[in-house]
Amino acid sequence: MFFVIANGTMTTGRLSAGSMTATDPSNHSQLDMSSTDKDGNGDPFYTLMDGTPDSIAVWVKFKQETPVADHPYASISAAITDGTYYQDPQEEGKTYNNVVATAKNAKIESKGFVWQRVTAPFVYTDNNVNGKAILITISTNADPGQGSTDYLYVDDISLIYNIEKPALSVDGKAVELSSSNLTVKTADPANATITPTTGNRGSFAAMNTISSNDNQKVVRILYCADDLNTVKAYTLTLEKDNATGINAIAADSNTTPELYNLAGQRISNTQPGQIVIVKKGDKAVKVLK
């Protein structure tokens, strides 16, 4: 006879108990879209997922019947994959190149056994794969086999999509998103390069032209969360900049012109038909009077 402490675990995938040693990764939750197995309700052991959320949130109510000072936490973890085989915890020594992103919160406290909302941000990998499924695993203890008689209630698991750092530039120059109606002067409104961007994978920018001519172009720009529940809208008006590039024009001098005859002698009066030289400032011209 022997006694083994095992964590209580809930998952969107399938549980595998492959070892009597609690810390052995053979005890895990798993996802594999190629499997044709179904659960008692006739559903597959995976959850389809193709979005790029920023975080996962869940409401939990947690208590250890016998507190374990060194291992006081429950945990939630999630992984977005391309749908091929994946397990949590990962098999030792194996590289999983099919992972799009992972999220984990391994410090869910009891806090008096009251409902609390906990979150975990997704960290995206550099793997060049498309998300197709998500594996979520929630455990009564963050450390395998270290719990007691634990209670963990779970409700309202949700994926969070934000719009982070929306930005806009026109012809390479940044435009401050200070209001929903923006006006920018540019040399060529009809052909100006408009670049809206966002700072996270869980959002995107889109735009469409409302009107356009040589002097003005009006564009509608939308910054959208991937789930389309959050949208920031702006109207951008590009106006033709008619500046000539001349910064200043010197004022005309009021200096009295000086008159000279062709011999170079200064004269005060002129005669009809006489050719004289008129000097004004630094300029001199010949004039027929």
C-alpha atoms as a PDB file:
ATOM      1  CA  MET A   1       0.000   0.000   0.000  1.00  0.00           C
ATOM      2  CA  PHE A   2       1.224   3.509  -0.738  1.00  0.00           C
ATOM      3  CA  PHE A   3      -0.099   7.057  -0.778  1.00  0.00           C
ATOM      4  CA  VAL A   4       0.566   9.654  -3.513  1.00  0.00           C
ATOM      5  CA  ILE A   5      -0.439  13.324  -3.441  1.00  0.00           C
ATOM      6  CA  ALA A   6      -1.759  14.424  -6.836  1.00  0.00           C
ATOM      7  CA  ASN A   7      -2.883  17.875  -7.898  1.00  0.00           C
ATOM      8  CA  GLY A   8      -6.434  18.526  -8.949  1.00  0.00           C
ATOM      9  CA  THR A   9      -6.272  19.636 -12.579  1.00  0.00           C
ATOM     10  CA  MET A  10      -8.710  21.026 -15.146  1.00  0.00           C
ATOM     11  CA  THR A  11      -7.812  21.379 -18.809  1.00  0.00           C
ATOM     12  CA  THR A  12      -9.237  22.118 -22.249  1.00  0.00           C
ATOM     13  CA  GLY A  13      -7.094  19.237 -23.518  1.00  0.00           C
ATOM     14  CA  ARG A  14      -6.673  15.690 -22.293  1.00  0.00           C
ATOM     15  CA  LEU A  15      -5.072  14.520 -19.031  1.00  0.00           C
ATOM     16  CA  SER A  16      -2.396  11.845 -19.046  1.00  0.00           C
ATOM     17  CA  ALA A  17      -1.288  10.102 -15.833  1.00  0.00           C
ATOM     18  CA  GLY A  18       1.833   8.231 -16.888  1.00  0.00           C
ATOM     19  CA  SER A  19       3.776   8.013 -13.665  1.00  0.00           C
ATOM     20  CA  MET A  20       3.372   7.527  -9.906  1.00  0.00           C
ATOM     21  CA  THR A  21       5.942  10.304  -9.410  1.00  0.00           C
ATOM     22  CA  ALA A  22       4.089  13.609  -9.224  1.00  0.00           C
ATOM     23  CA  THR A  23       6.899  15.650 -10.787  1.00  0.00           C
ATOM     24  CA  ASP A  24       7.291  13.334 -13.795  1.00  0.00           C
ATOM     25  CA  PRO A  25       6.234  15.162 -17.023  1.00  0.00           C
ATOM     26  CA  SER A  26       4.449  11.946 -17.993  1.00  0.00           C
ATOM     27  CA  ASN A  27       1.709  13.411 -15.831  1.00  0.00           C
ATOM     28  CA  HIS A  28       0.480  16.243 -18.013  1.00  0.00           C
ATOM     29  CA  SER A  29      -2.319  17.790 -20.023  1.00  0.00           C
ATOM     30  CA  GLN A  30      -2.027  17.484 -23.790  1.00  0.00           C
ATOM     31  CA  LEU A  31      -3.401  18.756 -27.078  1.00  0.00           C
ATOM     32  CA  ASP A  32      -3.299  17.005 -30.442  1.00  0.00           C
ATOM     33  CA  MET A  33      -5.733  17.911 -33.219  1.00  0.00           C
ATOM     34  CA  SER A  34      -4.822  14.794 -35.175  1.00  0.00           C
ATOM     35  CA  SER A  35      -6.425  12.633 -32.476  1.00  0.00           C
ATOM     36  CA  THR A  36      -9.937  11.395 -33.224  1.00  0.00           C
ATOM     37  CA  ASP A  37     -10.724  10.564 -29.585  1.00  0.00           C
ATOM     38  CA  LYS A  38     -13.797  12.199 -28.041  1.00  0.00           C
ATOM     39  CA  ASP A  39     -14.789  12.939 -24.456  1.00  0.00           C
ATOM     40  CA  GLY A  40     -17.973  11.770 -22.733  1.00  0.00           C
ATOM     41  CA  ASN A  41     -19.945  14.558 -24.433  1.00  0.00           C
ATOM     42  CA  GLY A  42     -18.684  13.603 -27.889  1.00  0.00           C
ATOM     43  CA  ASP A  43     -16.322  16.592 -28.114  1.00  0.00           C
ATOM     44  CA  PRO A  44     -12.649  16.412 -29.163  1.00  0.00           C
ATOM     45  CA  PHE A  45      -9.894  16.933 -26.588  1.00  0.00           C
ATOM     46  CA  TYR A  46      -8.847  20.315 -27.947  1.00  0.00           C
ATOM     47  CA  THR A  47     -10.151  23.875 -28.339  1.00  0.00           C
ATOM     48  CA  LEU A  48      -9.788  25.727 -31.648  1.00  0.00           C
ATOM     49  CA  MET A  49      -7.996  29.070 -31.459  1.00  0.00           C
ATOM     50  CA  ASP A  50      -6.504  31.308 -34.167  1.00  0.00           C
ATOM     51  CA  GLY A  51      -6.308  34.714 -32.456  1.00  0.00           C
ATOM     52  CA  THR A  52      -3.398  36.577 -30.861  1.00  0.00           C
ATOM     53  CA  PRO A  53      -4.609  37.679 -27.405  1.00  0.00           C
ATOM     54  CA  ASP A  54      -2.556  39.807 -25.049  1.00  0.00           C
ATOM     55  CA  SER A  55      -3.492  37.894 -21.900  1.00  0.00           C
ATOM     56  CA  ILE A  56      -5.814  35.350 -20.354  1.00  0.00           C
ATOM     57  CA  ALA A  57      -8.075  36.140 -17.391  1.00  0.00           C
ATOM     58  CA  VAL A  58     -10.062  33.897 -15.079  1.00  0.00           C
ATOM     59  CA  TRP A  59     -12.132  34.188 -11.893  1.00  0.00           C
ATOM     60  CA  VAL A  60     -11.019  31.733  -9.206  1.00  0.00           C
ATOM     61  CA  LYS A  61     -11.818  30.846  -5.611  1.00  0.00           C
ATOM     62  CA  PHE A  62      -8.960  28.931  -3.960  1.00  0.00           C
ATOM     63  CA  LYS A  63      -8.244  27.392  -0.556  1.00  0.00           C
ATOM     64  CA  GLN A  64      -5.800  24.892   0.907  1.00  0.00           C
ATOM     65  CA  GLU A  65      -7.524  22.847   3.608  1.00  0.00           C
ATOM     66  CA  THR A  66      -4.125  22.353   5.236  1.00  0.00           C
ATOM     67  CA  PRO A  67      -1.892  25.302   4.344  1.00  0.00           C
ATOM     68  CA  VAL A  68       1.485  24.373   2.855  1.00  0.00           C
ATOM     69  CA  ALA A  69       3.797  27.291   3.566  1.00  0.00           C
ATOM     70  CA  ASP A  70       6.397  26.436   0.896  1.00  0.00           C
ATOM     71  CA  HIS A  71       3.826  25.689  -1.797  1.00  0.00           C
ATOM     72  CA  PRO A  72       0.861  28.021  -1.231  1.00  0.00           C
ATOM     73  CA  TYR A  73      -0.184  28.779  -4.807  1.00  0.00           C
ATOM     74  CA  ALA A  74      -2.576  27.456  -7.439  1.00  0.00           C
ATOM     75  CA  SER A  75      -1.743  28.019 -11.115  1.00  0.00           C
ATOM     76  CA  ILE A  76      -3.101  28.605 -14.603  1.00  0.00           C
ATOM     77  CA  SER A  77      -1.177  28.141 -17.836  1.00  0.00           C
ATOM     78  CA  ALA A  78      -2.088  28.429 -21.494  1.00  0.00           C
ATOM     79  CA  ALA A  79      -0.394  27.686 -24.810  1.00  0.00           C
ATOM     80  CA  ILE A  80      -1.448  28.604 -28.334  1.00  0.00           C
ATOM     81  CA  THR A  81      -0.091  26.081 -30.847  1.00  0.00           C
ATOM     82  CA  ASP A  82      -0.413  25.049 -34.473  1.00  0.00           C
ATOM     83  CA  GLY A  83      -2.549  22.101 -33.363  1.00  0.00           C
ATOM     84  CA  THR A  84       0.143  19.431 -33.468  1.00  0.00           C
ATOM     85  CA  TYR A  85       1.055  17.515 -30.310  1.00  0.00           C
ATOM     86  CA  TYR A  86       1.880  19.646 -27.278  1.00  0.00           C
ATOM     87  CA  GLN A  87       1.902  18.881 -23.559  1.00  0.00           C
ATOM     88  CA  ASP A  88       2.033  20.902 -20.344  1.00  0.00           C
ATOM     89  CA  PRO A  89       4.441  20.551 -18.616  1.00  0.00           C
ATOM     90  CA  GLN A  90       6.670  20.044 -21.634  1.00  0.00           C
ATOM     91  CA  GLU A  91       8.591  16.832 -22.038  1.00  0.00           C
ATOM     92  CA  GLU A  92      12.153  17.205 -20.774  1.00  0.00           C
ATOM     93  CA  GLY A  93      14.772  17.602 -23.495  1.00  0.00           C
ATOM     94  CA  LYS A  94      12.232  18.176 -26.253  1.00  0.00           C
ATOM     95  CA  THR A  95      11.993  21.383 -28.282  1.00  0.00           C
ATOM     96  CA  TYR A  96       8.453  22.499 -29.159  1.00  0.00           C
ATOM     97  CA  ASN A  97       8.634  24.575 -32.338  1.00  0.00           C
ATOM     98  CA  ASN A  98       4.859  24.432 -32.760  1.00  0.00           C
ATOM     99  CA  VAL A  99       4.148  27.011 -30.044  1.00  0.00           C
ATOM    100  CA  VAL A 100       2.869  30.480 -30.947  1.00  0.00           C
ATOM    101  CA  ALA A 101       2.629  31.878 -27.403  1.00  0.00           C
ATOM    102  CA  THR A 102       2.451  30.825 -23.752  1.00  0.00           C
ATOM    103  CA  ALA A 103       0.997  32.400 -20.610  1.00  0.00           C
ATOM    104  CA  LYS A 104       1.358  31.366 -16.965  1.00  0.00           C
ATOM    105  CA  ASN A 105       0.376  32.610 -13.521  1.00  0.00           C
ATOM    106  CA  ALA A 106       1.795  30.291 -10.868  1.00  0.00           C
ATOM    107  CA  LYS A 107       1.069  32.529  -7.888  1.00  0.00           C
ATOM    108  CA  ILE A 108      -2.682  32.364  -7.369  1.00  0.00           C
ATOM    109  CA  GLU A 109      -3.191  33.025  -3.655  1.00  0.00           C
ATOM    110  CA  SER A 110      -6.094  31.987  -1.458  1.00  0.00           C
ATOM    111  CA  LYS A 111      -6.872  35.464  -0.130  1.00  0.00           C
ATOM    112  CA  GLY A 112      -9.460  34.120   2.305  1.00  0.00           C
ATOM    113  CA  PHE A 113     -11.218  31.832  -0.179  1.00  0.00           C
ATOM    114  CA  VAL A 114     -12.957  34.710  -1.978  1.00  0.00           C
ATOM    115  CA  TRP A 115     -13.552  35.143  -5.693  1.00  0.00           C
ATOM    116  CA  GLN A 116     -10.691  36.960  -7.403  1.00  0.00           C
ATOM    117  CA  ARG A 117      -9.802  37.749 -11.000  1.00  0.00           C
ATOM    118  CA  VAL A 118      -6.315  36.670 -12.034  1.00  0.00           C
ATOM    119  CA  THR A 119      -4.531  37.256 -15.324  1.00  0.00           C
ATOM    120  CA  ALA A 120      -1.466  36.028 -17.202  1.00  0.00           C
ATOM    121  CA  PRO A 121       0.126  37.812 -20.186  1.00  0.00           C
ATOM    122  CA  PHE A 122       0.960  35.881 -23.337  1.00  0.00           C
ATOM    123  CA  VAL A 123       4.615  35.795 -24.372  1.00  0.00           C
ATOM    124  CA  TYR A 124       4.984  35.238 -28.115  1.00  0.00           C
ATOM    125  CA  THR A 125       7.713  33.109 -29.639  1.00  0.00           C
ATOM    126  CA  ASP A 126       9.643  33.627 -32.858  1.00  0.00           C
ATOM    127  CA  ASN A 127       8.323  30.356 -34.279  1.00  0.00           C
ATOM    128  CA  ASN A 128       6.926  30.888 -37.755  1.00  0.00           C
ATOM    129  CA  VAL A 129       3.671  28.996 -37.188  1.00  0.00           C
ATOM    130  CA  ASN A 130      -0.023  29.866 -37.250  1.00  0.00           C
ATOM    131  CA  GLY A 131      -2.169  29.412 -34.172  1.00  0.00           C
ATOM    132  CA  LYS A 132      -4.934  26.813 -34.490  1.00  0.00           C
ATOM    133  CA  ALA A 133      -5.626  25.564 -30.962  1.00  0.00           C
ATOM    134  CA  ILE A 134      -5.217  26.560 -27.319  1.00  0.00           C
ATOM    135  CA  LEU A 135      -4.435  24.377 -24.314  1.00  0.00           C
ATOM    136  CA  ILE A 136      -5.448  25.788 -20.914  1.00  0.00           C
ATOM    137  CA  THR A 137      -4.522  23.988 -17.705  1.00  0.00           C
ATOM    138  CA  ILE A 138      -5.530  25.012 -14.181  1.00  0.00           C
ATOM    139  CA  SER A 139      -4.098  23.254 -11.160  1.00  0.00           C
ATOM    140  CA  THR A 140      -4.778  23.291  -7.395  1.00  0.00           C
ATOM    141  CA  ASN A 141      -1.045  23.685  -6.796  1.00  0.00           C
ATOM    142  CA  ALA A 142       1.672  25.311  -8.854  1.00  0.00           C
ATOM    143  CA  ASP A 143       4.132  22.611  -7.759  1.00  0.00           C
ATOM    144  CA  PRO A 144       3.338  18.982  -8.640  1.00  0.00           C
ATOM    145  CA  GLY A 145       2.447  16.811  -5.651  1.00  0.00           C
ATOM    146  CA  GLN A 146       2.865  19.589  -3.090  1.00  0.00           C
ATOM    147  CA  GLY A 147      -0.740  20.359  -2.242  1.00  0.00           C
ATOM    148  CA  SER A 148      -3.034  19.155   0.503  1.00  0.00           C
ATOM    149  CA  THR A 149      -6.799  18.851   0.399  1.00  0.00           C
ATOM    150  CA  ASP A 150      -7.289  21.861  -1.876  1.00  0.00           C
ATOM    151  CA  TYR A 151     -10.367  23.585  -3.258  1.00  0.00           C
ATOM    152  CA  LEU A 152     -10.283  25.518  -6.521  1.00  0.00           C
ATOM    153  CA  TYR A 153     -13.395  26.909  -8.202  1.00  0.00           C
ATOM    154  CA  VAL A 154     -13.088  28.416 -11.690  1.00  0.00           C
ATOM    155  CA  ASP A 155     -15.431  30.680 -13.637  1.00  0.00           C
ATOM    156  CA  ASP A 156     -15.457  32.929 -16.693  1.00  0.00           C
ATOM    157  CA  ILE A 157     -12.202  32.205 -18.504  1.00  0.00           C
ATOM    158  CA  SER A 158     -11.644  34.947 -21.082  1.00  0.00           C
ATOM    159  CA  LEU A 159      -9.007  36.069 -23.561  1.00  0.00           C
ATOM    160  CA  ILE A 160      -8.049  39.746 -23.449  1.00  0.00           C
ATOM    161  CA  TYR A 161      -7.297  41.763 -26.588  1.00  0.00           C
ATOM    162  CA  ASN A 162      -5.924  45.303 -26.223  1.00  0.00           C
ATOM    163  CA  ILE A 163      -4.892  48.105 -28.573  1.00  0.00           C
ATOM    164  CA  GLU A 164      -1.419  49.123 -27.479  1.00  0.00           C
ATOM    165  CA  LYS A 165       0.543  52.132 -28.740  1.00  0.00           C
ATOM    166  CA  PRO A 166      -1.545  53.163 -31.754  1.00  0.00           C
ATOM    167  CA  ALA A 167       0.626  55.385 -33.948  1.00  0.00           C
ATOM    168  CA  LEU A 168       0.343  57.277 -37.231  1.00  0.00           C
ATOM    169  CA  SER A 169       2.769  58.857 -39.664  1.00  0.00           C
ATOM    170  CA  VAL A 170       2.318  60.823 -42.903  1.00  0.00           C
ATOM    171  CA  ASP A 171       5.231  60.799 -45.339  1.00  0.00           C
ATOM    172  CA  GLY A 172       7.460  59.488 -42.559  1.00  0.00           C
ATOM    173  CA  LYS A 173       6.547  62.196 -40.035  1.00  0.00           C
ATOM    174  CA  ALA A 174       4.754  61.242 -36.809  1.00  0.00           C
ATOM    175  CA  VAL A 175       1.236  62.578 -36.274  1.00  0.00           C
ATOM    176  CA  GLU A 176      -0.024  63.004 -32.705  1.00  0.00           C
ATOM    177  CA  LEU A 177      -3.362  61.257 -32.148  1.00  0.00           C
ATOM    178  CA  SER A 178      -4.636  64.138 -30.046  1.00  0.00           C
ATOM    179  CA  SER A 179      -8.275  64.029 -31.192  1.00  0.00           C
ATOM    180  CA  SER A 180     -10.591  61.970 -33.370  1.00  0.00           C
ATOM    181  CA  ASN A 181     -10.327  64.556 -36.191  1.00  0.00           C
ATOM    182  CA  LEU A 182      -6.812  65.228 -37.456  1.00  0.00           C
ATOM    183  CA  THR A 183      -5.562  67.690 -40.082  1.00  0.00           C
ATOM    184  CA  VAL A 184      -2.103  67.520 -41.655  1.00  0.00           C
ATOM    185  CA  LYS A 185      -0.570  69.660 -44.415  1.00  0.00           C
ATOM    186  CA  THR A 186       1.446  67.868 -47.059  1.00  0.00           C
ATOM    187  CA  ALA A 187       2.856  68.664 -50.492  1.00  0.00           C
ATOM    188  CA  ASP A 188       0.824  66.023 -52.343  1.00  0.00           C
ATOM    189  CA  PRO A 189      -2.314  64.900 -50.467  1.00  0.00           C
ATOM    190  CA  ALA A 190      -3.465  62.446 -53.140  1.00  0.00           C
ATOM    191  CA  ASN A 191      -0.191  60.494 -53.060  1.00  0.00           C
ATOM    192  CA  ALA A 192       0.894  60.948 -49.462  1.00  0.00           C
ATOM    193  CA  THR A 193       2.131  57.839 -47.627  1.00  0.00           C
ATOM    194  CA  ILE A 194      -0.101  57.183 -44.607  1.00  0.00           C
ATOM    195  CA  THR A 195       1.154  54.567 -42.117  1.00  0.00           C
ATOM    196  CA  PRO A 196      -0.992  53.526 -39.114  1.00  0.00           C
ATOM    197  CA  THR A 197       0.572  50.987 -36.728  1.00  0.00           C
ATOM    198  CA  THR A 198      -0.108  49.315 -33.372  1.00  0.00           C
ATOM    199  CA  GLY A 199       2.331  48.030 -30.767  1.00  0.00           C
ATOM    200  CA  ASN A 200       0.993  44.539 -30.040  1.00  0.00           C
ATOM    201  CA  ARG A 201      -0.049  41.372 -31.844  1.00  0.00           C
ATOM    202  CA  GLY A 202      -3.570  41.469 -30.449  1.00  0.00           C
ATOM    203  CA  SER A 203      -4.561  44.450 -32.585  1.00  0.00           C
ATOM    204  CA  PHE A 204      -4.332  45.806 -36.110  1.00  0.00           C
ATOM    205  CA  ALA A 205      -4.866  49.032 -38.061  1.00  0.00           C
ATOM    206  CA  ALA A 206      -7.039  49.529 -41.141  1.00  0.00           C
ATOM    207  CA  MET A 207      -7.961  52.548 -43.256  1.00  0.00           C
ATOM    208  CA  ASN A 208     -10.103  53.575 -46.194  1.00  0.00           C
ATOM    209  CA  THR A 209     -10.217  56.710 -48.333  1.00  0.00           C
ATOM    210  CA  ILE A 210     -13.386  58.795 -48.075  1.00  0.00           C
ATOM    211  CA  SER A 211     -12.451  61.405 -50.705  1.00  0.00           C
ATOM    212  CA  SER A 212      -9.363  62.506 -52.603  1.00  0.00           C
ATOM    213  CA  ASN A 213      -8.252  65.230 -55.039  1.00  0.00           C
ATOM    214  CA  ASP A 214      -5.119  67.257 -55.726  1.00  0.00           C
ATOM    215  CA  ASN A 215      -5.788  69.645 -52.841  1.00  0.00           C
ATOM    216  CA  GLN A 216      -7.309  67.425 -50.168  1.00  0.00           C
ATOM    217  CA  LYS A 217      -7.597  63.803 -49.109  1.00  0.00           C
ATOM    218  CA  VAL A 218      -9.828  62.484 -46.301  1.00  0.00           C
ATOM    219  CA  VAL A 219      -9.080  59.081 -44.770  1.00  0.00           C
ATOM    220  CA  ARG A 220     -10.827  57.028 -42.076  1.00  0.00           C
ATOM    221  CA  ILE A 221      -8.408  55.100 -39.821  1.00  0.00           C
ATOM    222  CA  LEU A 222      -9.457  52.319 -37.431  1.00  0.00           C
ATOM    223  CA  TYR A 223      -7.332  50.715 -34.728  1.00  0.00           C
ATOM    224  CA  CYS A 224      -9.007  47.420 -33.786  1.00  0.00           C
ATOM    225  CA  ALA A 225      -8.474  44.718 -31.199  1.00  0.00           C
ATOM    226  CA  ASP A 226      -8.384  41.249 -32.784  1.00  0.00           C
ATOM    227  CA  ASP A 227     -11.735  40.340 -31.254  1.00  0.00           C
ATOM    228  CA  LEU A 228     -13.229  43.601 -32.667  1.00  0.00           C
ATOM    229  CA  ASN A 229     -14.710  44.475 -29.264  1.00  0.00           C
ATOM    230  CA  THR A 230     -12.477  47.548 -28.965  1.00  0.00           C
ATOM    231  CA  VAL A 231     -12.091  50.068 -31.800  1.00  0.00           C
ATOM    232  CA  LYS A 232     -10.432  53.506 -31.901  1.00  0.00           C
ATOM    233  CA  ALA A 233     -11.509  55.618 -34.900  1.00  0.00           C
ATOM    234  CA  TYR A 234      -9.896  58.713 -36.427  1.00  0.00           C
ATOM    235  CA  THR A 235     -10.636  60.914 -39.434  1.00  0.00           C
ATOM    236  CA  LEU A 236      -7.480  62.249 -41.099  1.00  0.00           C
ATOM    237  CA  THR A 237      -7.674  65.220 -43.505  1.00  0.00           C
ATOM    238  CA  LEU A 238      -4.619  65.909 -45.646  1.00  0.00           C
ATOM    239  CA  GLU A 239      -4.491  69.438 -47.030  1.00  0.00           C
ATOM    240  CA  LYS A 240      -2.173  70.706 -49.759  1.00  0.00           C
ATOM    241  CA  ASP A 241       0.682  72.788 -48.395  1.00  0.00           C
ATOM    242  CA  ASN A 242       0.996  75.815 -50.718  1.00  0.00           C
ATOM    243  CA  ALA A 243       4.149  77.219 -49.127  1.00  0.00           C
ATOM    244  CA  THR A 244       6.672  78.430 -51.761  1.00  0.00           C
ATOM    245  CA  GLY A 245       9.707  77.782 -49.660  1.00  0.00           C
ATOM    246  CA  ILE A 246      10.700  81.504 -49.644  1.00  0.00           C
ATOM    247  CA  ASN A 247      11.408  82.413 -46.049  1.00  0.00           C
ATOM    248  CA  ALA A 248      11.692  86.228 -46.392  1.00  0.00           C
ATOM    249  CA  ILE A 249      11.552  89.007 -48.973  1.00  0.00           C
ATOM    250  CA  ALA A 250      13.773  92.045 -48.544  1.00  0.00           C
ATOM    251  CA  ALA A 251      11.933  95.370 -48.413  1.00  0.00           C
ATOM    252  CA  ASP A 252      12.460  97.765 -51.337  1.00  0.00           C
ATOM    253  CA  SER A 253      14.848 100.626 -50.550  1.00  0.00           C
ATOM    254  CA  ASN A 254      13.450 104.183 -50.430  1.00  0.00           C
ATOM    255  CA  THR A 255      16.827 105.658 -51.441  1.00  0.00           C
ATOM    256  CA  THR A 256      16.502 108.553 -53.961  1.00  0.00           C
ATOM    257  CA  PRO A 257      17.905 107.435 -57.346  1.00  0.00           C
ATOM    258  CA  GLU A 258      21.069 109.055 -58.671  1.00  0.00           C
ATOM    259  CA  LEU A 259      21.180 110.237 -62.327  1.00  0.00           C
ATOM    260  CA  TYR A 260      24.283 110.185 -64.558  1.00  0.00           C
ATOM    261  CA  ASN A 261      24.899 111.047 -68.241  1.00  0.00           C
ATOM    262  CA  LEU A 262      26.779 108.725 -70.548  1.00  0.00           C
ATOM    263  CA  ALA A 263      30.028 110.523 -69.655  1.00  0.00           C
ATOM    264  CA  GLY A 264      29.544 109.368 -66.083  1.00  0.00           C
ATOM    265  CA  GLN A 265      28.779 112.816 -64.785  1.00  0.00           C
ATOM    266  CA  ARG A 266      26.070 113.150 -62.164  1.00  0.00           C
ATOM    267  CA  ILE A 267      23.183 115.324 -63.273  1.00  0.00           C
ATOM    268  CA  SER A 268      20.124 116.701 -61.541  1.00  0.00           C
ATOM    269  CA  ASN A 269      17.812 117.197 -64.548  1.00  0.00           C
ATOM    270  CA  THR A 270      17.164 115.297 -67.729  1.00  0.00           C
ATOM    271  CA  GLN A 271      16.194 116.388 -71.225  1.00  0.00           C
ATOM    272  CA  PRO A 272      13.658 114.708 -73.483  1.00  0.00           C
ATOM    273  CA  GLY A 273      15.342 112.008 -75.653  1.00  0.00           C
ATOM    274  CA  GLN A 274      18.393 111.923 -73.387  1.00  0.00           C
ATOM    275  CA  ILE A 275      19.862 108.590 -72.321  1.00  0.00           C
ATOM    276  CA  VAL A 276      20.758 108.628 -68.661  1.00  0.00           C
ATOM    277  CA  ILE A 277      22.040 106.113 -66.148  1.00  0.00           C
ATOM    278  CA  VAL A 278      19.799 105.668 -63.143  1.00  0.00           C
ATOM    279  CA  LYS A 279      21.502 104.314 -60.044  1.00  0.00           C
ATOM    280  CA  LYS A 280      19.464 103.097 -57.077  1.00  0.00           C
ATOM    281  CA  GLY A 281      21.298 101.382 -54.316  1.00  0.00           C
ATOM    282  CA  ASP A 282      23.751  98.939 -55.883  1.00  0.00           C
ATOM    283  CA  LYS A 283      21.902  98.694 -59.186  1.00  0.00           C
ATOM    284  CA  ALA A 284      22.289 100.901 -62.300  1.00  0.00           C
ATOM    285  CA  VAL A 285      20.244 100.849 -65.522  1.00  0.00           C
ATOM    286  CA  LYS A 286      20.183 102.866 -68.736  1.00  0.00           C
ATOM    287  CA  VAL A 287      16.951 104.762 -69.358  1.00  0.00           C
ATOM    288  CA  LEU A 288      15.772 106.781 -72.397  1.00  0.00           C
ATOM    289  CA  LYS A 289      14.065 109.890 -71.130  1.00  0.00           C
END
